[in-house]
Amino acid sequence: MESVDNIALLLARLQFSWTIGVHILFPSFTIGLASYLAVLEGLWLKTGKQVYIRLFKYWVKIFAVVFAMGVVSGIVMSYEFGTNWSVFADKTGPILGPLLAYEVLSAFFLEAGFLGIMLFGLSKVGKKLHFTATLMVAIGTFFSAFWILSANSWMQTPQGYSINDVGQFVPEDWLKIVFNPSFPYRLMHMVIAAYLTTAFVVGAVGAWHLLRDKTCEGARVMFSMAMWMAAIVAPLQIFVGDMHGLNTMEHQPAKIAAMEGHFETQKGAPLILFGIPDMEAEETKYAIEIPKLGSLILTHHADGEIIGLKAFPKEDRPNSLIVFWAFRIMVGLGTLMASLGLFSLWLRWRKKLYDTALFHKAAVLMAPSGFMAVIAGWTVTEVGRQPYTVYGLLRTNQSAAPVEAPAVATSLLIFIIVYFVVFGFGIYYILRMMKAPPTPGQTPTASSHPIGLDSIMSTQTGKEDN
């Protein structure tokens, strides 16, 4: 039976998982959406076509709501560092504190400084100044991802530090800290994931309006742009993911073993497509395998050696069952994204991109795929790092504050209720805005909705004041 301390630790981990799991959904959307807004406004300035500025006005309202929810959900986590994880904050503060401060000084200042102009200044400042403000917000979202992922990547692959007499990690080389071994791969992987998340939301909204009215100019433009992004970026993400996997195998072999469901170290390891990793029995049961393909993917050699979980002490192994299936969800969704994007090229070549209702329905169903893939990928990253907060150096059970389990349980319950209420209303409002057609004054011609979206979205009539 678990002790009270272990129960408190589990609850603290669940609380942080819940808060960061909700929070990460919003930056995953705003990073890509900010860049999309900059592209729309740039195209408007270059071509003078009104459809681009109409789409900008359509999406900038959604961006404002999502950005606000991201800020609110992110504030909570900083308080958790001081309550549930104060020991971790004390030990890593000399390194993580400055990295997070750099995020505030660069990213947040850019976003906060120019957001008001981007949202309300189109008719009040010059076009070039307004476009500059939009670019600054987009750059600010990228800087935010840069510093947050640098901090998190240092926890995965720490370097450039020393440990002082009181057990704190102190900086020795900031370049090594910021550009730690896993950082470039994780930054690329996350930013591309954010762009894909945005592309499939934009594409789903465009597809939904095309199902109602194939002649809607705004829907055609946003759907076309989204499918171009999916066709180009989704296959690129697969390549970046492969590079990230090779880097992980070098620096975090236990995580790779958990992802692949391998308990035995072996050469010419198979690729386990599906199975049930059993941590107690130390085997993956009911495994469906392809011989040698695991080694070929991970080492690029059919007889390459893959280290199994048995090579690590039991107390140092991540939970393979969670990591194994989260990884397959992420890969499966990525494969569907790439397939949809590549199929759109064929439809475009056949000049049927705007006329294929079945493809549009598929695009609508893929709307949440980016968010789901991000959550699955983040689960692989964080659960795969266990049992450490700073990989190989600081254990999770050494990082938690001495907080009683009832206190953590109460705050966790409150967070869940409040998040469901607050962010539930926020998401509902966003769906209402998405339901309005992207062209002012254009009403839908279809009398009914496909695939039951009326049950998700509101019954707003369809006119949007842009």
Protein backbone atom coordinates (compact mmCIF):
# COMPACT_ATOMS: atom_id res chain seq x y z
CA MET A 1 0.00 0.00 0.00
CA GLU A 2 1.28 3.47 -0.95
CA SER A 3 2.30 5.92 1.74
CA VAL A 4 0.65 9.29 2.08
CA ASP A 5 3.77 10.94 0.63
CA ASN A 6 3.54 8.81 -2.52
CA ILE A 7 -0.14 9.61 -2.87
CA ALA A 8 0.61 13.34 -2.54
CA LEU A 9 3.34 12.98 -5.18
CA LEU A 10 0.97 11.20 -7.54
CA LEU A 11 -1.69 13.88 -7.04
CA ALA A 12 0.86 16.66 -7.61
CA ARG A 13 1.93 15.02 -10.84
CA LEU A 14 -1.69 14.62 -11.95
CA GLN A 15 -2.38 18.26 -11.16
CA PHE A 16 0.56 19.50 -13.18
CA SER A 17 -0.33 17.10 -16.02
CA TRP A 18 -3.87 18.48 -16.05
CA THR A 19 -2.87 22.14 -16.04
CA ILE A 20 -0.11 21.82 -18.62
CA GLY A 21 -2.24 19.50 -20.76
CA VAL A 22 -4.94 22.17 -21.00
CA HIS A 23 -2.46 25.02 -21.38
CA ILE A 24 -0.45 23.49 -24.22
CA LEU A 25 -3.54 23.36 -26.43
CA PHE A 26 -3.66 27.15 -26.69
CA PRO A 27 0.00 27.92 -27.62
CA SER A 28 -0.16 25.02 -30.09
CA PHE A 29 -2.87 27.00 -31.89
CA THR A 30 -1.65 30.57 -31.41
CA ILE A 31 1.92 29.91 -32.64
CA GLY A 32 0.62 28.77 -36.01
CA LEU A 33 -2.33 31.16 -36.12
CA ALA A 34 -0.14 34.23 -35.53
CA SER A 35 2.02 33.26 -38.52
CA TYR A 36 -1.09 32.58 -40.59
CA LEU A 37 -2.41 36.07 -39.78
CA ALA A 38 0.92 37.59 -40.84
CA VAL A 39 0.75 35.68 -44.14
CA LEU A 40 -2.82 36.80 -44.76
CA GLU A 41 -2.02 40.45 -44.12
CA GLY A 42 1.15 40.24 -46.21
CA LEU A 43 -0.82 38.78 -49.12
CA TRP A 44 -3.38 41.54 -48.79
CA LEU A 45 -0.71 44.23 -48.92
CA LYS A 46 0.98 42.55 -51.90
CA THR A 47 -2.10 41.71 -53.99
CA GLY A 48 -4.75 44.10 -52.73
CA LYS A 49 -7.31 41.28 -52.74
CA GLN A 50 -10.01 41.90 -50.16
CA VAL A 51 -10.49 38.20 -49.40
CA TYR A 52 -7.19 38.15 -47.50
CA ILE A 53 -8.01 41.04 -45.20
CA ARG A 54 -11.48 39.60 -44.61
CA LEU A 55 -9.91 36.32 -43.55
CA PHE A 56 -7.47 38.25 -41.38
CA LYS A 57 -10.35 39.97 -39.58
CA TYR A 58 -12.16 36.65 -39.27
CA TRP A 59 -9.25 34.81 -37.65
CA VAL A 60 -7.80 37.67 -35.59
CA LYS A 61 -10.90 37.62 -33.36
CA ILE A 62 -10.41 33.90 -32.75
CA PHE A 63 -6.72 34.49 -32.09
CA ALA A 64 -7.55 37.07 -29.41
CA VAL A 65 -9.76 34.65 -27.48
CA VAL A 66 -7.32 31.74 -27.76
CA PHE A 67 -4.38 33.96 -26.77
CA ALA A 68 -6.23 35.17 -23.69
CA MET A 69 -7.06 31.62 -22.61
CA GLY A 70 -3.43 30.64 -23.12
CA VAL A 71 -2.22 33.43 -20.85
CA VAL A 72 -4.72 32.59 -18.13
CA SER A 73 -3.99 28.85 -18.21
CA GLY A 74 -0.23 29.45 -18.18
CA ILE A 75 -0.22 31.61 -15.06
CA VAL A 76 -1.44 28.72 -12.92
CA MET A 77 1.66 26.61 -13.61
CA SER A 78 4.04 29.23 -12.27
CA TYR A 79 2.22 29.06 -8.93
CA GLU A 80 2.45 25.27 -8.90
CA PHE A 81 6.24 25.54 -8.99
CA GLY A 82 6.03 27.40 -5.68
CA THR A 83 3.52 25.08 -4.05
CA ASN A 84 3.74 21.46 -5.16
CA TRP A 85 7.23 21.66 -6.65
CA SER A 86 9.11 24.16 -4.49
CA VAL A 87 12.09 21.81 -4.01
CA PHE A 88 12.43 21.49 -7.77
CA ALA A 89 12.15 25.27 -8.16
CA ASP A 90 14.87 25.79 -5.55
CA LYS A 91 17.30 23.30 -7.07
CA THR A 92 16.83 24.31 -10.73
CA GLY A 93 15.99 27.99 -10.20
CA PRO A 94 19.47 29.35 -11.07
CA ILE A 95 19.10 27.86 -14.56
CA LEU A 96 15.38 27.66 -15.30
CA GLY A 97 14.62 31.03 -13.68
CA PRO A 98 16.68 33.07 -16.17
CA LEU A 99 15.44 31.01 -19.13
CA LEU A 100 11.82 31.72 -18.19
CA ALA A 101 12.70 35.37 -17.57
CA TYR A 102 14.15 35.59 -21.08
CA GLU A 103 10.82 34.30 -22.36
CA VAL A 104 9.02 37.11 -20.58
CA LEU A 105 11.51 39.78 -21.67
CA SER A 106 11.47 38.80 -25.32
CA ALA A 107 8.31 36.92 -26.22
CA PHE A 108 5.78 38.37 -23.81
CA PHE A 109 6.96 41.94 -24.32
CA LEU A 110 6.63 41.59 -28.08
CA GLU A 111 3.22 39.98 -27.82
CA ALA A 112 1.86 42.38 -25.20
CA GLY A 113 3.42 45.43 -26.86
CA PHE A 114 2.02 44.84 -30.32
CA LEU A 115 -1.11 42.79 -29.68
CA GLY A 116 -3.31 45.85 -29.13
CA ILE A 117 -2.20 47.37 -32.43
CA MET A 118 -2.80 44.08 -34.24
CA LEU A 119 -6.29 43.66 -32.77
CA PHE A 120 -7.60 47.23 -32.89
CA GLY A 121 -5.23 49.33 -34.99
CA LEU A 122 -6.01 48.42 -38.58
CA SER A 123 -8.09 51.56 -39.13
CA LYS A 124 -6.00 53.72 -36.78
CA VAL A 125 -2.41 53.24 -37.94
CA GLY A 126 -0.78 52.85 -41.32
CA LYS A 127 -0.95 49.55 -43.15
CA LYS A 128 2.80 48.95 -42.90
CA LEU A 129 2.87 49.72 -39.18
CA HIS A 130 -0.05 47.39 -38.60
CA PHE A 131 1.65 44.64 -40.60
CA THR A 132 4.79 45.19 -38.53
CA ALA A 133 2.74 44.74 -35.37
CA THR A 134 1.30 41.47 -36.70
CA LEU A 135 4.80 40.26 -37.55
CA MET A 136 6.03 41.16 -34.06
CA VAL A 137 3.24 39.14 -32.46
CA ALA A 138 4.08 36.19 -34.69
CA ILE A 139 7.78 36.47 -33.83
CA GLY A 140 6.87 36.80 -30.15
CA THR A 141 4.97 33.50 -30.21
CA PHE A 142 8.03 31.84 -31.76
CA PHE A 143 10.33 33.30 -29.10
CA SER A 144 7.97 31.98 -26.45
CA ALA A 145 8.29 28.48 -27.89
CA PHE A 146 12.07 28.95 -28.15
CA TRP A 147 12.65 29.73 -24.48
CA ILE A 148 10.06 27.34 -23.03
CA LEU A 149 11.41 24.45 -25.10
CA SER A 150 14.97 25.40 -24.25
CA ALA A 151 14.12 25.16 -20.55
CA ASN A 152 12.23 21.89 -20.96
CA SER A 153 14.91 20.42 -23.22
CA TRP A 154 17.59 21.22 -20.64
CA MET A 155 15.59 19.11 -18.18
CA GLN A 156 15.69 16.29 -20.75
CA THR A 157 19.36 16.63 -21.76
CA PRO A 158 21.10 18.78 -19.15
CA GLN A 159 24.53 20.26 -19.83
CA GLY A 160 26.52 23.44 -19.11
CA TYR A 161 25.87 23.30 -15.35
CA SER A 162 27.57 22.48 -12.08
CA ILE A 163 26.04 21.59 -8.70
CA ASN A 164 26.86 23.81 -5.73
CA ASP A 165 27.23 22.89 -2.07
CA VAL A 166 23.49 23.08 -1.38
CA GLY A 167 22.52 20.87 -4.31
CA GLN A 168 21.46 23.59 -6.74
CA PHE A 169 22.16 23.44 -10.46
CA VAL A 170 24.13 26.58 -11.33
CA PRO A 171 25.08 27.78 -14.82
CA GLU A 172 28.58 27.31 -16.18
CA ASP A 173 28.01 27.83 -19.92
CA TRP A 174 24.78 29.50 -21.04
CA LEU A 175 25.25 28.56 -24.70
CA LYS A 176 25.42 24.89 -23.73
CA ILE A 177 22.41 25.31 -21.47
CA VAL A 178 20.25 27.03 -24.06
CA PHE A 179 21.39 24.93 -27.02
CA ASN A 180 21.43 21.60 -25.20
CA PRO A 181 21.56 18.41 -27.30
CA SER A 182 17.83 17.79 -27.68
CA PHE A 183 16.73 21.43 -28.05
CA PRO A 184 17.03 21.96 -31.84
CA TYR A 185 15.07 18.80 -32.59
CA ARG A 186 12.38 19.44 -30.02
CA LEU A 187 11.98 23.08 -31.13
CA MET A 188 11.53 22.07 -34.78
CA HIS A 189 9.18 19.24 -33.83
CA MET A 190 6.98 21.46 -31.65
CA VAL A 191 6.82 24.46 -33.99
CA ILE A 192 5.91 22.25 -36.94
CA ALA A 193 3.29 20.56 -34.76
CA ALA A 194 1.84 24.00 -33.98
CA TYR A 195 1.67 24.87 -37.68
CA LEU A 196 -0.04 21.58 -38.45
CA THR A 197 -2.49 22.09 -35.59
CA THR A 198 -3.45 25.47 -37.02
CA ALA A 199 -3.58 24.16 -40.57
CA PHE A 200 -6.06 21.42 -39.70
CA VAL A 201 -8.27 23.77 -37.69
CA VAL A 202 -8.28 26.34 -40.51
CA GLY A 203 -8.79 23.57 -43.05
CA ALA A 204 -11.68 22.11 -41.07
CA VAL A 205 -13.43 25.47 -40.82
CA GLY A 206 -12.93 26.05 -44.55
CA ALA A 207 -14.17 22.55 -45.37
CA TRP A 208 -17.22 22.97 -43.16
CA HIS A 209 -18.21 26.15 -44.97
CA LEU A 210 -17.53 24.55 -48.36
CA LEU A 211 -19.97 21.79 -47.46
CA ARG A 212 -22.58 24.50 -46.96
CA ASP A 213 -21.60 26.66 -49.95
CA LYS A 214 -18.96 25.63 -52.50
CA THR A 215 -18.84 29.17 -53.91
CA CYS A 216 -17.77 30.86 -50.65
CA GLU A 217 -14.56 32.64 -51.61
CA GLY A 218 -13.18 32.92 -48.09
CA ALA A 219 -13.76 29.22 -47.41
CA ARG A 220 -12.04 28.26 -50.66
CA VAL A 221 -8.99 30.38 -49.91
CA MET A 222 -8.54 29.21 -46.31
CA PHE A 223 -9.08 25.57 -47.28
CA SER A 224 -6.57 25.80 -50.11
CA MET A 225 -3.93 27.42 -47.89
CA ALA A 226 -4.48 24.86 -45.15
CA MET A 227 -4.14 21.92 -47.53
CA TRP A 228 -0.91 23.36 -48.97
CA MET A 229 0.45 23.53 -45.43
CA ALA A 230 -0.64 19.97 -44.68
CA ALA A 231 0.82 18.62 -47.91
CA ILE A 232 4.21 20.26 -47.38
CA VAL A 233 4.66 20.29 -43.62
CA ALA A 234 3.18 16.94 -42.52
CA PRO A 235 5.76 14.88 -44.46
CA LEU A 236 8.46 17.24 -43.17
CA GLN A 237 7.30 16.52 -39.63
CA ILE A 238 7.85 12.80 -40.20
CA PHE A 239 11.47 13.52 -41.23
CA VAL A 240 12.04 15.81 -38.22
CA GLY A 241 10.46 13.20 -35.95
CA ASP A 242 12.94 10.62 -37.22
CA MET A 243 15.85 12.94 -36.45
CA HIS A 244 14.40 13.62 -33.01
CA GLY A 245 14.11 9.89 -32.39
CA LEU A 246 17.77 9.31 -33.24
CA ASN A 247 18.75 12.11 -30.86
CA THR A 248 16.57 10.62 -28.13
CA MET A 249 18.12 7.18 -28.60
CA GLU A 250 21.54 8.74 -28.07
CA HIS A 251 20.68 10.71 -24.93
CA GLN A 252 17.63 8.95 -23.44
CA PRO A 253 17.79 5.28 -24.47
CA ALA A 254 15.35 4.22 -21.73
CA LYS A 255 12.69 6.47 -23.26
CA ILE A 256 13.22 4.86 -26.68
CA ALA A 257 12.98 1.38 -25.17
CA ALA A 258 9.69 2.35 -23.52
CA MET A 259 8.36 3.90 -26.75
CA GLU A 260 9.18 0.79 -28.75
CA GLY A 261 8.09 -1.71 -26.08
CA HIS A 262 11.48 -3.44 -26.05
CA PHE A 263 12.53 -5.06 -22.78
CA GLU A 264 15.42 -7.12 -24.16
CA THR A 265 18.53 -5.59 -25.71
CA GLN A 266 18.85 -7.05 -29.18
CA LYS A 267 20.35 -6.62 -32.61
CA GLY A 268 17.98 -6.63 -35.54
CA ALA A 269 15.09 -5.64 -33.27
CA PRO A 270 11.60 -5.87 -34.73
CA LEU A 271 9.19 -2.98 -34.97
CA ILE A 272 6.36 -3.71 -32.57
CA LEU A 273 3.29 -2.24 -34.22
CA PHE A 274 0.89 -3.06 -31.39
CA GLY A 275 1.02 -4.85 -28.08
CA ILE A 276 0.57 -4.44 -24.34
CA PRO A 277 3.82 -3.69 -22.47
CA ASP A 278 3.74 -5.35 -19.05
CA MET A 279 6.15 -3.67 -16.65
CA GLU A 280 5.86 -6.43 -14.05
CA ALA A 281 6.34 -9.35 -16.44
CA GLU A 282 8.99 -7.35 -18.36
CA GLU A 283 7.58 -8.19 -21.77
CA THR A 284 5.25 -6.81 -24.40
CA LYS A 285 2.33 -9.18 -24.62
CA TYR A 286 0.32 -9.92 -27.79
CA ALA A 287 2.98 -8.14 -29.86
CA ILE A 288 2.41 -7.70 -33.59
CA GLU A 289 5.90 -7.29 -35.07
CA ILE A 290 7.73 -6.60 -38.32
CA PRO A 291 11.17 -8.27 -38.15
CA LYS A 292 14.26 -6.02 -38.09
CA LEU A 293 12.30 -2.88 -38.95
CA GLY A 294 12.74 -1.40 -35.45
CA SER A 295 16.54 -1.46 -35.79
CA LEU A 296 16.32 -0.16 -39.35
CA ILE A 297 14.26 2.86 -38.29
CA LEU A 298 16.22 3.69 -35.14
CA THR A 299 19.77 2.90 -36.26
CA HIS A 300 19.32 2.92 -40.06
CA HIS A 301 20.86 -0.56 -40.06
CA ALA A 302 18.83 -3.76 -40.16
CA ASP A 303 21.12 -5.39 -37.57
CA GLY A 304 21.57 -2.32 -35.35
CA GLU A 305 21.40 -2.82 -31.59
CA ILE A 306 18.47 -1.49 -29.59
CA ILE A 307 18.86 -1.27 -25.82
CA GLY A 308 15.96 -2.78 -23.89
CA LEU A 309 14.39 -1.68 -20.62
CA LYS A 310 16.00 -4.57 -18.74
CA ALA A 311 19.34 -2.80 -19.20
CA PHE A 312 18.15 -0.20 -16.67
CA PRO A 313 17.32 -0.72 -12.98
CA LYS A 314 13.59 -1.12 -12.38
CA GLU A 315 13.45 2.14 -10.44
CA ASP A 316 14.89 4.01 -13.45
CA ARG A 317 12.41 2.79 -16.07
CA PRO A 318 9.60 4.95 -17.49
CA ASN A 319 6.14 3.42 -17.75
CA SER A 320 6.27 1.68 -21.12
CA LEU A 321 2.51 1.09 -21.38
CA ILE A 322 1.75 4.84 -21.36
CA VAL A 323 4.70 5.89 -23.53
CA PHE A 324 4.20 3.03 -26.01
CA TRP A 325 0.58 3.89 -26.77
CA ALA A 326 0.98 7.69 -26.63
CA PHE A 327 3.72 7.37 -29.23
CA ARG A 328 1.52 5.29 -31.51
CA ILE A 329 -1.34 7.74 -31.22
CA MET A 330 1.00 10.56 -32.21
CA VAL A 331 2.47 8.63 -35.16
CA GLY A 332 -0.94 7.43 -36.29
CA LEU A 333 -2.38 10.94 -36.31
CA GLY A 334 0.71 12.26 -38.10
CA THR A 335 0.30 9.61 -40.78
CA LEU A 336 -3.35 10.59 -41.26
CA MET A 337 -2.35 14.26 -41.55
CA ALA A 338 0.27 13.50 -44.18
CA SER A 339 -2.16 11.27 -46.08
CA LEU A 340 -4.85 13.96 -46.13
CA GLY A 341 -2.34 16.57 -47.28
CA LEU A 342 -0.95 14.39 -50.07
CA PHE A 343 -4.44 13.38 -51.21
CA SER A 344 -5.32 17.08 -51.44
CA LEU A 345 -2.56 17.46 -54.06
CA TRP A 346 -4.22 14.81 -56.21
CA LEU A 347 -7.59 16.52 -55.86
CA ARG A 348 -6.01 19.87 -56.68
CA TRP A 349 -4.45 18.39 -59.82
CA ARG A 350 -7.84 16.93 -60.76
CA LYS A 351 -9.41 20.37 -60.08
CA LYS A 352 -11.78 18.81 -57.55
CA LEU A 353 -10.37 20.26 -54.31
CA TYR A 354 -13.50 22.37 -53.68
CA ASP A 355 -16.05 19.87 -54.98
CA THR A 356 -15.29 16.62 -53.14
CA ALA A 357 -17.72 16.52 -50.23
CA LEU A 358 -16.33 13.30 -48.76
CA PHE A 359 -12.85 14.83 -48.55
CA HIS A 360 -14.31 17.95 -46.90
CA LYS A 361 -16.03 15.79 -44.29
CA ALA A 362 -12.74 14.04 -43.61
CA ALA A 363 -11.05 17.43 -43.17
CA VAL A 364 -13.73 18.48 -40.68
CA LEU A 365 -13.23 15.29 -38.67
CA MET A 366 -9.47 15.98 -38.61
CA ALA A 367 -9.97 19.36 -36.90
CA PRO A 368 -8.82 18.18 -33.43
CA SER A 369 -6.06 15.91 -34.78
CA GLY A 370 -3.28 18.43 -34.20
CA PHE A 371 -4.26 19.00 -30.58
CA MET A 372 -4.50 15.26 -29.97
CA ALA A 373 -1.08 14.66 -31.53
CA VAL A 374 0.49 17.42 -29.42
CA ILE A 375 -0.95 15.97 -26.20
CA ALA A 376 0.22 12.47 -27.18
CA GLY A 377 3.69 13.74 -28.08
CA TRP A 378 3.97 15.71 -24.85
CA THR A 379 2.98 12.58 -22.93
CA VAL A 380 5.77 10.65 -24.63
CA THR A 381 8.24 13.38 -23.75
CA GLU A 382 7.29 13.85 -20.11
CA VAL A 383 6.32 10.34 -19.05
CA GLY A 384 9.32 9.00 -20.95
CA ARG A 385 11.60 11.18 -18.81
CA GLN A 386 10.39 9.59 -15.59
CA PRO A 387 11.41 8.92 -12.88
CA TYR A 388 13.36 12.16 -13.25
CA THR A 389 12.55 15.85 -13.47
CA VAL A 390 16.13 16.59 -14.55
CA TYR A 391 17.06 13.50 -16.52
CA GLY A 392 19.49 11.25 -14.70
CA LEU A 393 20.17 13.83 -11.99
CA LEU A 394 17.08 14.84 -10.02
CA ARG A 395 14.27 12.41 -9.33
CA THR A 396 10.62 13.38 -9.31
CA ASN A 397 10.16 12.19 -5.73
CA GLN A 398 13.08 14.45 -4.73
CA SER A 399 11.49 17.47 -6.41
CA ALA A 400 8.10 17.65 -4.72
CA ALA A 401 7.25 19.94 -1.81
CA PRO A 402 6.09 18.44 1.51
CA VAL A 403 2.43 19.14 0.80
CA GLU A 404 -0.27 16.92 2.27
CA ALA A 405 -2.33 14.77 -0.09
CA PRO A 406 -5.74 16.24 0.92
CA ALA A 407 -4.54 19.76 0.05
CA VAL A 408 -3.29 18.66 -3.37
CA ALA A 409 -6.46 16.65 -4.02
CA THR A 410 -8.66 19.63 -3.17
CA SER A 411 -6.79 22.02 -5.47
CA LEU A 412 -6.76 19.41 -8.25
CA LEU A 413 -10.53 19.02 -8.03
CA ILE A 414 -11.01 22.80 -8.07
CA PHE A 415 -8.75 23.14 -11.10
CA ILE A 416 -10.66 20.49 -13.01
CA ILE A 417 -14.04 22.10 -12.29
CA VAL A 418 -12.88 25.66 -13.01
CA TYR A 419 -11.07 24.67 -16.19
CA PHE A 420 -14.09 22.82 -17.53
CA VAL A 421 -16.33 25.81 -16.85
CA VAL A 422 -14.05 28.66 -17.94
CA PHE A 423 -12.34 27.07 -20.91
CA GLY A 424 -15.45 25.16 -21.88
CA PHE A 425 -17.27 28.47 -22.38
CA GLY A 426 -14.22 29.85 -24.19
CA ILE A 427 -14.10 26.97 -26.63
CA TYR A 428 -17.87 27.18 -27.14
CA TYR A 429 -17.51 30.88 -28.02
CA ILE A 430 -14.69 30.11 -30.45
CA LEU A 431 -16.87 27.52 -32.20
CA ARG A 432 -19.62 30.12 -32.50
CA MET A 433 -17.21 32.48 -34.24
CA MET A 434 -16.00 29.71 -36.53
CA LYS A 435 -19.57 28.95 -37.54
CA ALA A 436 -20.03 32.38 -39.08
CA PRO A 437 -19.15 32.40 -42.80
CA PRO A 438 -15.76 34.00 -43.59
CA THR A 439 -17.27 36.31 -46.19
CA PRO A 440 -19.33 39.22 -44.81
CA GLY A 441 -23.00 39.14 -45.63
CA GLN A 442 -22.81 35.71 -47.27
CA THR A 443 -25.39 33.29 -45.97
CA PRO A 444 -25.08 29.55 -46.27
CA THR A 445 -27.06 27.92 -49.06
CA ALA A 446 -27.33 24.42 -47.64
CA SER A 447 -30.32 23.68 -45.48
CA SER A 448 -28.57 21.27 -43.13
CA HIS A 449 -25.21 20.49 -41.66
CA PRO A 450 -23.03 17.49 -42.50
CA ILE A 451 -21.93 15.02 -39.83
CA GLY A 452 -23.89 16.64 -37.03
CA LEU A 453 -21.83 19.77 -36.48
CA ASP A 454 -24.92 21.69 -35.43
CA SER A 455 -24.75 19.73 -32.19
CA ILE A 456 -21.24 21.06 -31.60
CA MET A 457 -21.59 24.60 -32.82
CA SER A 458 -24.19 27.17 -31.98
CA THR A 459 -27.23 28.13 -34.00
CA GLN A 460 -25.75 31.48 -34.93
CA THR A 461 -27.39 32.71 -38.12
CA GLY A 462 -24.24 33.19 -40.12
CA LYS A 463 -23.61 36.90 -40.47
CA GLU A 464 -20.30 38.16 -39.17
CA ASP A 465 -19.48 41.84 -38.93
CA ASN A 466 -15.97 42.14 -40.27
